[in-house]
Amino acid sequence: QWYQRRVREFQTFQHYFKRINLRMVKQKRKKKRTHVNVDEVGPHTFVINKGNLHKSGISLMLDIRKSLEPLTARNLKARKYNKIKDYIHVSAQYGVTHLLLLSKSMLGYVNLRVCKVPRGPTITFRVSNYMLLKDVMSSLKRAKSMQKVHESAPLLIMNGFDDDKPHHKLITTTFQNMLPAVNVKAVKLNTLKRCILMNYLEDEDTIEFRHYHISASPVGVNRAVKKLLKKVPDLSKYSDISEFLTNGYFSESDGEDGPDSQVVLPQNMNGRGNLKSNRSAIRLTEIGPKMTLKLLKIEEGVGEGEVLYHSYVKKTAEEKKELRRRIEKKKQLKEKRKKEQEKNVEKKKAGEKRKRVEDDASEDDDVEYYKQELGTAPEPELLLKSKQTKRSKAFKEEKGEKADKPAESKDNKSEQRQPKNKQTSRSKAFKEKKSVRFAGGTKTQVQHVKTPSAKGIAIRKKK
């Protein structure tokens, strides 16, 4: 028993050290792709809010981001001081092609602007009604988990738009370019998990925005067979499998899906029974958000150009011509101001350079002044590099005035610089004898002497 116990301990230790050695083995470095070609990935979008948008409007913005994933900035944080120009400048770096802005109008509506960056156009919608993602999901009878649904881009379905109308054609092209194109021959069915439906209602002149989850279920199979495919049920009550299949409790599900929704699958698809060349029914489950959009206007550029279409305001040819003239005049004035600003910046830079040269010259004057006054060169820590002192300015003026006078000898200068030793009342008091009384009662006399050679330091001598 003792021997067997020791063998088991040895085996456990051996297994433990083997695991440690396996972890410590150096693995080969895997090459990771750090650069991504924007054309291969597809278009990208920025969805942001502008102005004082209420809480439900911000929730709608986040839901729109979620519907456009993964080709959007999910965690983008918009600050109050950020302007539209900032996002346009950054868009080229990150491959962003479209900008979606949500803002609050004066009447309290939520407006949605879809901009093609960097040159436009800009399409403005009014969000008449909307329903958030959480509200749509809570209204479902059977809630589904949507964890891996947003890993691939959604399909886009445009319905009811008239291409003969120019504003309809512009809307369709803008939204089609906002999502990646689908190659029918090379696409995999398992990547098509969601779709966005843009439906135009001609009677109300509005556009419905809907977001669906795509799933498939085999056709021609009753519920008993589906239950067998998922899990083997309890068959103890039946004498034969045919009784289970032909029992009236299980009804066929062919009547639930119409013939329009049934397709023959060209590939295998996720889900039990969705095999190649089999007939399956396509089912759409709404997952939100849900919006009703009303087109307001279309304008050139990113919010600062000529209005191409307006649903309420109609202008004549003369008014349009006058508006173009104003816009052109505004552009010219902007360019003129920009050129003036550039010139002012250049002048400022030239002035700073000239000032720097003058400061360097003033530094040389300070060195010369120090040499003339003290007879030795100054230390570099004593000089001020950037500022010109009043003393150096005064020295420069004196230097210009005394240029014609003859130079004096060093001896005369040293005589002039020697201070006169005037005897003040304070120095007399130092020389007088003073008596000091100690705690012991003894008296001592101390004489303080101040001499000119001591540089103002009193020397005390005890007698």
Protein backbone atom coordinates (compact mmCIF):
# COMPACT_ATOMS: atom_id res chain seq x y z
CA GLN A 1 0.00 0.00 0.00
CA TRP A 2 2.82 2.38 0.85
CA TYR A 3 4.50 1.63 -2.49
CA GLN A 4 1.27 2.14 -4.46
CA ARG A 5 0.65 5.44 -2.68
CA ARG A 6 4.13 6.66 -3.60
CA VAL A 7 3.66 5.60 -7.24
CA ARG A 8 0.38 7.55 -7.44
CA GLU A 9 2.03 10.64 -5.96
CA PHE A 10 4.89 10.37 -8.43
CA GLN A 11 2.45 10.06 -11.35
CA THR A 12 0.49 13.13 -10.26
CA PHE A 13 3.68 15.18 -9.91
CA GLN A 14 4.89 13.95 -13.30
CA HIS A 15 1.62 14.95 -14.94
CA TYR A 16 1.73 18.36 -13.25
CA PHE A 17 5.30 19.12 -14.40
CA LYS A 18 4.49 17.94 -17.91
CA ARG A 19 1.64 20.49 -18.09
CA ILE A 20 3.97 23.27 -16.90
CA ASN A 21 6.57 22.34 -19.55
CA LEU A 22 3.92 22.38 -22.24
CA ARG A 23 2.87 25.87 -21.22
CA MET A 24 6.47 27.09 -21.16
CA VAL A 25 7.19 25.85 -24.68
CA LYS A 26 7.66 28.85 -26.94
CA GLN A 27 4.92 29.01 -29.53
CA LYS A 28 5.48 30.26 -33.04
CA ARG A 29 4.44 33.85 -33.63
CA LYS A 30 1.32 34.09 -35.73
CA LYS A 31 1.30 36.78 -38.36
CA LYS A 32 -1.62 39.12 -37.84
CA ARG A 33 -3.02 41.36 -40.52
CA THR A 34 -2.87 44.91 -39.20
CA HIS A 35 -3.96 46.73 -42.38
CA VAL A 36 -7.34 46.35 -44.02
CA ASN A 37 -8.26 47.47 -47.49
CA VAL A 38 -11.35 49.68 -47.32
CA ASP A 39 -12.62 48.58 -50.74
CA GLU A 40 -12.64 44.94 -49.64
CA VAL A 41 -14.57 45.62 -46.43
CA GLY A 42 -17.23 47.93 -47.89
CA PRO A 43 -18.77 51.26 -46.91
CA HIS A 44 -18.68 52.56 -43.34
CA THR A 45 -21.01 54.92 -41.49
CA PHE A 46 -20.93 57.31 -38.55
CA VAL A 47 -24.22 57.62 -36.64
CA ILE A 48 -24.14 60.62 -34.27
CA ASN A 49 -26.48 63.07 -32.55
CA LYS A 50 -26.28 66.85 -32.90
CA GLY A 51 -27.70 69.42 -30.49
CA ASN A 52 -29.89 68.83 -27.44
CA LEU A 53 -31.47 65.47 -28.25
CA HIS A 54 -33.71 63.85 -25.64
CA LYS A 55 -33.04 60.47 -24.05
CA SER A 56 -35.31 58.40 -26.34
CA GLY A 57 -33.70 60.08 -29.37
CA ILE A 58 -30.25 58.99 -28.17
CA SER A 59 -31.60 55.44 -27.69
CA LEU A 60 -32.88 55.55 -31.28
CA MET A 61 -29.41 56.61 -32.45
CA LEU A 62 -27.83 53.62 -30.68
CA ASP A 63 -30.46 51.27 -32.19
CA ILE A 64 -29.68 52.57 -35.71
CA ARG A 65 -25.99 51.89 -35.04
CA LYS A 66 -26.85 48.35 -34.01
CA SER A 67 -28.89 47.77 -37.19
CA LEU A 68 -25.98 48.94 -39.38
CA GLU A 69 -23.34 46.80 -37.65
CA PRO A 70 -20.60 45.70 -38.22
CA LEU A 71 -19.77 48.43 -40.77
CA THR A 72 -20.30 51.33 -38.36
CA ALA A 73 -18.54 52.88 -35.36
CA ARG A 74 -20.32 51.14 -32.49
CA ASN A 75 -18.63 52.98 -29.58
CA LEU A 76 -18.28 56.40 -31.19
CA LYS A 77 -18.69 59.20 -28.61
CA ALA A 78 -19.95 62.52 -29.96
CA ARG A 79 -18.97 65.57 -27.88
CA LYS A 80 -20.79 68.90 -27.83
CA TYR A 81 -17.78 70.78 -29.19
CA ASN A 82 -17.33 68.38 -32.15
CA LYS A 83 -18.45 69.87 -35.46
CA ILE A 84 -19.49 68.18 -38.69
CA LYS A 85 -16.20 69.28 -40.29
CA ASP A 86 -14.28 67.24 -37.70
CA TYR A 87 -16.11 64.04 -38.73
CA ILE A 88 -15.57 64.83 -42.43
CA HIS A 89 -11.81 65.28 -41.90
CA VAL A 90 -11.59 61.94 -40.04
CA SER A 91 -13.82 60.07 -42.53
CA ALA A 92 -11.08 59.59 -45.14
CA GLN A 93 -8.74 58.08 -42.55
CA TYR A 94 -11.27 55.47 -41.38
CA GLY A 95 -12.93 54.81 -44.76
CA VAL A 96 -16.26 56.36 -43.75
CA THR A 97 -18.59 57.02 -46.69
CA HIS A 98 -21.84 58.14 -45.00
CA LEU A 99 -22.77 60.27 -42.02
CA LEU A 100 -26.14 59.93 -40.22
CA LEU A 101 -27.07 62.81 -37.90
CA LEU A 102 -30.04 62.86 -35.53
CA SER A 103 -31.19 66.21 -34.17
CA LYS A 104 -34.22 67.81 -32.57
CA SER A 105 -36.27 70.33 -34.56
CA MET A 106 -37.96 73.48 -33.20
CA LEU A 107 -41.35 71.71 -33.29
CA GLY A 108 -40.01 68.82 -31.18
CA TYR A 109 -39.64 66.25 -33.98
CA VAL A 110 -36.53 64.13 -34.48
CA ASN A 111 -34.82 64.85 -37.80
CA LEU A 112 -32.54 62.38 -39.57
CA ARG A 113 -29.92 63.67 -42.03
CA VAL A 114 -28.14 61.21 -44.31
CA CYS A 115 -24.96 62.75 -45.79
CA LYS A 116 -22.61 61.34 -48.39
CA VAL A 117 -19.16 62.48 -47.32
CA PRO A 118 -17.18 64.46 -48.22
CA ARG A 119 -19.09 66.22 -51.06
CA GLY A 120 -22.75 65.39 -50.42
CA PRO A 121 -25.64 65.34 -51.14
CA THR A 122 -27.58 65.61 -47.85
CA ILE A 123 -31.06 64.08 -47.49
CA THR A 124 -33.17 65.32 -44.55
CA PHE A 125 -36.02 63.20 -43.14
CA ARG A 126 -38.50 63.85 -40.36
CA VAL A 127 -38.97 60.86 -38.04
CA SER A 128 -42.76 60.96 -37.62
CA ASN A 129 -43.04 57.76 -35.53
CA TYR A 130 -40.46 55.38 -34.12
CA MET A 131 -40.28 52.32 -31.89
CA LEU A 132 -37.09 51.31 -30.11
CA LEU A 133 -35.40 47.91 -30.35
CA LYS A 134 -36.20 46.96 -26.75
CA ASP A 135 -39.91 47.69 -27.25
CA VAL A 136 -40.08 45.59 -30.44
CA MET A 137 -38.28 42.67 -28.79
CA SER A 138 -40.57 42.79 -25.74
CA SER A 139 -43.64 42.57 -27.98
CA LEU A 140 -42.51 39.24 -29.53
CA LYS A 141 -44.27 36.06 -28.34
CA ARG A 142 -41.09 34.00 -28.61
CA ALA A 143 -38.01 36.07 -27.91
CA LYS A 144 -34.89 34.86 -29.74
CA SER A 145 -31.27 35.40 -28.78
CA MET A 146 -29.60 37.78 -31.24
CA GLN A 147 -25.98 37.35 -30.13
CA LYS A 148 -24.30 36.43 -33.43
CA VAL A 149 -26.86 38.06 -35.72
CA HIS A 150 -24.95 41.36 -36.01
CA GLU A 151 -21.65 39.80 -37.12
CA SER A 152 -22.52 40.23 -40.82
CA ALA A 153 -23.97 43.21 -42.69
CA PRO A 154 -27.73 43.26 -43.41
CA LEU A 155 -29.44 43.02 -46.79
CA LEU A 156 -31.25 46.07 -48.18
CA ILE A 157 -34.72 45.79 -49.76
CA MET A 158 -36.12 48.91 -51.51
CA ASN A 159 -39.82 48.67 -52.32
CA GLY A 160 -42.28 51.11 -53.93
CA PHE A 161 -39.78 53.74 -55.16
CA ASP A 162 -40.26 55.28 -58.61
CA ASP A 163 -36.97 55.71 -60.50
CA ASP A 164 -38.56 58.20 -62.89
CA LYS A 165 -38.72 60.73 -60.04
CA PRO A 166 -35.24 62.22 -59.49
CA HIS A 167 -35.55 62.54 -55.69
CA HIS A 168 -36.66 58.87 -55.40
CA LYS A 169 -33.71 57.77 -57.53
CA LEU A 170 -31.31 59.78 -55.35
CA ILE A 171 -32.70 58.21 -52.15
CA THR A 172 -32.36 54.65 -53.52
CA THR A 173 -28.76 55.18 -54.71
CA THR A 174 -27.78 56.77 -51.37
CA PHE A 175 -29.12 53.90 -49.27
CA GLN A 176 -27.77 51.25 -51.68
CA ASN A 177 -24.27 52.73 -51.41
CA MET A 178 -24.58 52.84 -47.61
CA LEU A 179 -24.59 49.01 -47.36
CA PRO A 180 -22.26 46.53 -49.14
CA ALA A 181 -23.35 45.03 -52.46
CA VAL A 182 -24.23 41.30 -52.60
CA ASN A 183 -22.53 38.99 -55.09
CA VAL A 184 -25.26 36.44 -55.82
CA LYS A 185 -22.88 33.79 -57.19
CA ALA A 186 -20.35 33.92 -54.34
CA VAL A 187 -22.57 34.74 -51.33
CA LYS A 188 -22.99 32.23 -48.47
CA LEU A 189 -26.53 31.82 -47.14
CA ASN A 190 -25.36 31.51 -43.53
CA THR A 191 -24.04 35.11 -43.66
CA LEU A 192 -27.49 36.48 -44.61
CA LYS A 193 -29.05 36.78 -41.17
CA ARG A 194 -30.74 40.19 -41.31
CA CYS A 195 -32.43 42.55 -43.75
CA ILE A 196 -33.49 46.21 -43.76
CA LEU A 197 -36.73 47.04 -45.60
CA MET A 198 -37.34 50.56 -46.98
CA ASN A 199 -40.98 50.62 -48.12
CA TYR A 200 -42.46 53.74 -49.79
CA LEU A 201 -46.17 54.38 -49.16
CA GLU A 202 -47.51 56.50 -52.02
CA ASP A 203 -50.82 57.41 -50.30
CA GLU A 204 -49.14 58.88 -47.22
CA ASP A 205 -45.89 59.95 -49.00
CA THR A 206 -43.80 58.33 -46.24
CA ILE A 207 -41.06 55.70 -46.03
CA GLU A 208 -41.22 52.80 -43.58
CA PHE A 209 -37.95 51.58 -42.10
CA ARG A 210 -38.08 48.00 -40.79
CA HIS A 211 -35.37 45.67 -39.50
CA TYR A 212 -35.91 41.86 -39.69
CA HIS A 213 -34.14 38.66 -38.69
CA ILE A 214 -34.05 35.96 -41.43
CA SER A 215 -34.64 32.29 -40.60
CA ALA A 216 -35.65 29.18 -42.56
CA SER A 217 -37.69 26.10 -41.68
CA PRO A 218 -38.21 22.95 -43.81
CA VAL A 219 -41.55 22.58 -45.62
CA GLY A 220 -43.59 19.35 -45.86
CA VAL A 221 -42.57 18.07 -42.42
CA ASN A 222 -45.16 17.84 -39.68
CA ARG A 223 -44.50 18.85 -36.10
CA ALA A 224 -43.97 15.29 -34.93
CA VAL A 225 -41.00 14.84 -37.28
CA LYS A 226 -39.63 18.24 -36.22
CA LYS A 227 -39.86 17.13 -32.61
CA LEU A 228 -37.99 13.93 -33.46
CA LEU A 229 -35.25 15.95 -35.15
CA LYS A 230 -34.77 18.12 -32.06
CA LYS A 231 -35.13 15.53 -29.27
CA VAL A 232 -36.39 11.92 -29.02
CA PRO A 233 -39.71 12.11 -27.13
CA ASP A 234 -41.24 9.53 -24.75
CA LEU A 235 -42.66 6.71 -27.01
CA SER A 236 -43.73 4.34 -24.21
CA LYS A 237 -47.42 5.13 -24.81
CA TYR A 238 -47.29 4.03 -28.46
CA SER A 239 -46.97 0.49 -29.81
CA ASP A 240 -45.47 1.71 -33.11
CA ILE A 241 -43.69 4.83 -34.42
CA SER A 242 -46.44 5.32 -37.00
CA GLU A 243 -48.94 6.01 -34.20
CA PHE A 244 -46.75 8.84 -32.98
CA LEU A 245 -46.46 10.34 -36.47
CA THR A 246 -50.12 9.95 -37.43
CA ASN A 247 -51.52 11.11 -34.10
CA GLY A 248 -54.05 13.90 -34.47
CA TYR A 249 -52.40 15.97 -31.71
CA PHE A 250 -49.60 16.92 -34.12
CA SER A 251 -50.86 18.93 -37.11
CA GLU A 252 -48.87 19.71 -40.22
CA SER A 253 -47.26 23.15 -40.47
CA ASP A 254 -47.55 23.49 -44.25
CA GLY A 255 -50.50 25.83 -43.91
CA GLU A 256 -48.54 28.34 -41.82
CA ASP A 257 -46.27 29.40 -44.69
CA GLY A 258 -47.68 30.42 -48.08
CA PRO A 259 -46.23 29.33 -51.44
CA ASP A 260 -44.62 32.77 -51.96
CA SER A 261 -42.31 32.29 -48.97
CA GLN A 262 -41.13 28.81 -49.99
CA VAL A 263 -37.81 28.43 -51.82
CA VAL A 264 -35.44 25.65 -52.85
CA LEU A 265 -32.16 26.10 -50.99
CA PRO A 266 -29.04 26.18 -53.23
CA GLN A 267 -26.80 25.60 -50.15
CA ASN A 268 -27.01 24.12 -46.69
CA MET A 269 -28.35 26.62 -44.19
CA ASN A 270 -28.34 26.88 -40.40
CA GLY A 271 -31.23 25.06 -38.78
CA ARG A 272 -32.45 21.47 -38.65
CA GLY A 273 -33.62 20.11 -41.99
CA ASN A 274 -32.39 23.09 -44.08
CA LEU A 275 -30.39 21.00 -46.56
CA LYS A 276 -29.33 21.70 -50.11
CA SER A 277 -32.03 21.16 -52.82
CA ASN A 278 -34.75 20.93 -50.14
CA ARG A 279 -37.75 23.22 -49.98
CA SER A 280 -37.79 25.59 -47.00
CA ALA A 281 -39.95 28.50 -45.91
CA ILE A 282 -38.26 31.87 -45.26
CA ARG A 283 -39.53 33.59 -42.13
CA LEU A 284 -38.88 37.19 -41.07
CA THR A 285 -38.94 38.23 -37.40
CA GLU A 286 -38.94 41.96 -36.68
CA ILE A 287 -36.18 42.93 -34.24
CA GLY A 288 -36.32 46.76 -34.46
CA PRO A 289 -35.87 49.67 -34.58
CA LYS A 290 -39.02 50.74 -36.43
CA MET A 291 -39.37 54.20 -38.04
CA THR A 292 -41.72 56.17 -40.29
CA LEU A 293 -39.75 58.75 -42.30
CA LYS A 294 -41.05 61.82 -44.14
CA LEU A 295 -38.77 63.39 -46.78
CA LEU A 296 -38.23 67.12 -46.15
CA LYS A 297 -35.49 68.28 -48.51
CA ILE A 298 -32.38 67.34 -50.50
CA GLU A 299 -29.45 69.75 -50.75
CA GLU A 300 -26.00 69.85 -52.28
CA GLY A 301 -22.88 69.40 -50.17
CA VAL A 302 -22.93 68.47 -46.49
CA GLY A 303 -25.72 70.75 -45.23
CA GLU A 304 -24.46 73.95 -46.90
CA GLY A 305 -25.45 74.02 -50.55
CA GLU A 306 -28.26 74.65 -52.97
CA VAL A 307 -31.60 73.01 -52.16
CA LEU A 308 -32.34 70.53 -54.96
CA TYR A 309 -35.74 69.39 -53.68
CA HIS A 310 -38.13 70.56 -50.94
CA SER A 311 -41.40 68.86 -50.10
CA TYR A 312 -43.13 72.04 -48.81
CA VAL A 313 -41.42 75.07 -50.39
CA LYS A 314 -41.57 75.53 -54.17
CA LYS A 315 -39.51 78.26 -55.85
CA THR A 316 -39.58 79.84 -59.29
CA ALA A 317 -36.66 79.90 -61.74
CA GLU A 318 -35.78 83.51 -60.81
CA GLU A 319 -35.72 82.72 -57.09
CA LYS A 320 -33.50 79.72 -57.73
CA LYS A 321 -31.15 81.89 -59.77
CA GLU A 322 -30.99 84.49 -56.98
CA LEU A 323 -30.31 81.75 -54.43
CA ARG A 324 -27.43 80.36 -56.54
CA ARG A 325 -25.96 83.86 -56.81
CA ARG A 326 -26.06 84.29 -53.03
CA ILE A 327 -24.41 80.93 -52.44
CA GLU A 328 -21.68 81.73 -54.97
CA LYS A 329 -21.07 85.13 -53.34
CA LYS A 330 -20.86 83.46 -49.92
CA LYS A 331 -18.28 80.97 -51.23
CA GLN A 332 -16.14 83.75 -52.74
CA LEU A 333 -16.25 85.73 -49.48
CA LYS A 334 -15.24 82.62 -47.55
CA GLU A 335 -12.25 82.02 -49.87
CA LYS A 336 -11.22 85.67 -49.56
CA ARG A 337 -11.29 85.49 -45.76
CA LYS A 338 -9.30 82.29 -45.85
CA LYS A 339 -6.57 83.91 -47.98
CA GLU A 340 -6.42 86.94 -45.66
CA GLN A 341 -6.13 84.68 -42.66
CA GLU A 342 -3.24 82.79 -44.27
CA LYS A 343 -1.45 86.08 -44.99
CA ASN A 344 -1.92 87.23 -41.39
CA VAL A 345 -0.50 83.96 -40.12
CA GLU A 346 2.58 84.36 -42.35
CA LYS A 347 3.07 87.96 -41.11
CA LYS A 348 2.81 86.82 -37.52
CA LYS A 349 5.41 84.09 -38.09
CA ALA A 350 7.78 86.59 -39.76
CA GLY A 351 7.33 89.03 -36.81
CA GLU A 352 8.13 86.29 -34.30
CA LYS A 353 11.26 85.39 -36.26
CA ARG A 354 12.39 89.05 -36.34
CA LYS A 355 11.78 89.39 -32.60
CA ARG A 356 13.85 86.27 -31.95
CA VAL A 357 16.78 87.79 -33.90
CA GLU A 358 16.50 91.05 -31.91
CA ASP A 359 16.50 89.11 -28.63
CA ASP A 360 19.69 87.35 -29.69
CA ALA A 361 21.28 90.73 -30.47
CA SER A 362 20.16 92.14 -27.10
CA GLU A 363 21.83 89.17 -25.40
CA ASP A 364 25.16 90.16 -26.97
CA ASP A 365 24.66 93.75 -25.67
CA ASP A 366 24.07 92.42 -22.14
CA VAL A 367 27.36 90.50 -22.28
CA GLU A 368 29.28 93.60 -23.39
CA TYR A 369 27.63 95.71 -20.66
CA TYR A 370 28.59 93.13 -18.01
CA LYS A 371 32.23 93.12 -19.20
CA GLN A 372 32.49 96.90 -19.12
CA GLU A 373 31.00 97.14 -15.63
CA LEU A 374 32.76 94.23 -13.86
CA GLY A 375 35.69 93.48 -16.14
CA THR A 376 34.89 89.75 -16.46
CA ALA A 377 32.62 87.65 -18.71
CA PRO A 378 29.26 86.64 -17.15
CA GLU A 379 28.17 83.10 -16.44
CA PRO A 380 25.62 81.68 -18.93
CA GLU A 381 22.97 81.11 -16.16
CA LEU A 382 22.84 84.86 -15.40
CA LEU A 383 21.73 85.90 -18.90
CA LEU A 384 18.08 86.19 -19.96
CA LYS A 385 17.60 84.69 -23.40
CA SER A 386 14.09 85.76 -24.37
CA LYS A 387 13.48 89.06 -22.46
CA GLN A 388 15.20 92.39 -23.00
CA THR A 389 15.75 94.26 -19.74
CA LYS A 390 15.45 98.03 -19.17
CA ARG A 391 19.11 98.16 -18.17
CA SER A 392 20.24 96.73 -21.52
CA LYS A 393 18.01 99.22 -23.38
CA ALA A 394 19.50 102.13 -21.41
CA PHE A 395 22.99 100.79 -22.12
CA LYS A 396 22.25 100.70 -25.84
CA GLU A 397 21.10 104.32 -25.78
CA GLU A 398 24.20 105.41 -23.81
CA LYS A 399 26.40 103.45 -26.19
CA GLY A 400 24.97 105.34 -29.15
CA GLU A 401 25.51 108.72 -27.43
CA LYS A 402 29.08 108.05 -26.16
CA ALA A 403 30.41 106.63 -29.39
CA ASP A 404 32.27 109.90 -30.30
CA LYS A 405 33.86 110.42 -26.85
CA PRO A 406 37.41 109.14 -26.26
CA ALA A 407 37.82 105.94 -24.27
CA GLU A 408 38.97 106.36 -20.68
CA SER A 409 41.76 104.37 -19.04
CA LYS A 410 41.08 101.41 -16.77
CA ASP A 411 42.65 103.13 -13.76
CA ASN A 412 40.31 106.10 -13.99
CA LYS A 413 37.31 103.76 -14.32
CA SER A 414 38.38 101.77 -11.26
CA GLU A 415 38.74 105.01 -9.28
CA GLN A 416 35.28 106.08 -10.33
CA ARG A 417 33.77 102.71 -9.40
CA GLN A 418 35.31 102.74 -5.83
CA PRO A 419 32.57 103.70 -3.32
CA LYS A 420 33.21 106.50 -0.86
CA ASN A 421 33.37 105.31 2.74
CA LYS A 422 30.99 107.61 4.56
CA GLN A 423 30.84 107.28 8.33
CA THR A 424 27.21 106.98 9.37
CA SER A 425 25.66 107.06 12.85
CA ARG A 426 25.20 103.29 12.69
CA SER A 427 28.93 102.65 12.06
CA LYS A 428 29.78 104.96 15.01
CA ALA A 429 27.56 102.88 17.26
CA PHE A 430 29.40 99.71 16.22
CA LYS A 431 32.76 101.25 17.23
CA GLU A 432 31.54 102.31 20.68
CA LYS A 433 32.13 100.00 23.64
CA LYS A 434 29.04 98.38 25.03
CA SER A 435 28.64 96.47 28.33
CA VAL A 436 26.79 93.17 28.39
CA ARG A 437 25.39 91.64 31.60
CA PHE A 438 25.25 87.83 31.86
CA ALA A 439 23.20 85.69 34.24
CA GLY A 440 26.27 85.05 36.47
CA GLY A 441 26.64 88.75 37.26
CA THR A 442 30.07 89.24 35.57
CA LYS A 443 30.61 92.10 33.15
CA THR A 444 32.51 91.94 29.90
CA GLN A 445 33.16 94.64 27.36
CA VAL A 446 32.80 93.92 23.66
CA GLN A 447 34.13 96.20 20.91
CA HIS A 448 32.51 96.07 17.43
CA VAL A 449 34.72 97.33 14.62
CA LYS A 450 33.52 97.99 11.05
CA THR A 451 36.28 98.40 8.49
CA PRO A 452 35.94 99.17 4.75
CA SER A 453 37.98 96.06 3.86
CA ALA A 454 35.47 93.80 5.60
CA LYS A 455 32.73 94.73 3.06
CA GLY A 456 30.18 95.77 5.62
CA ILE A 457 30.61 92.75 7.95
CA ALA A 458 31.05 93.70 11.64
CA ILE A 459 33.86 91.84 13.40
CA ARG A 460 33.37 91.29 17.13
CA LYS A 461 36.39 91.02 19.39
CA LYS A 462 36.10 89.83 22.98
CA LYS A 463 38.41 91.37 25.50
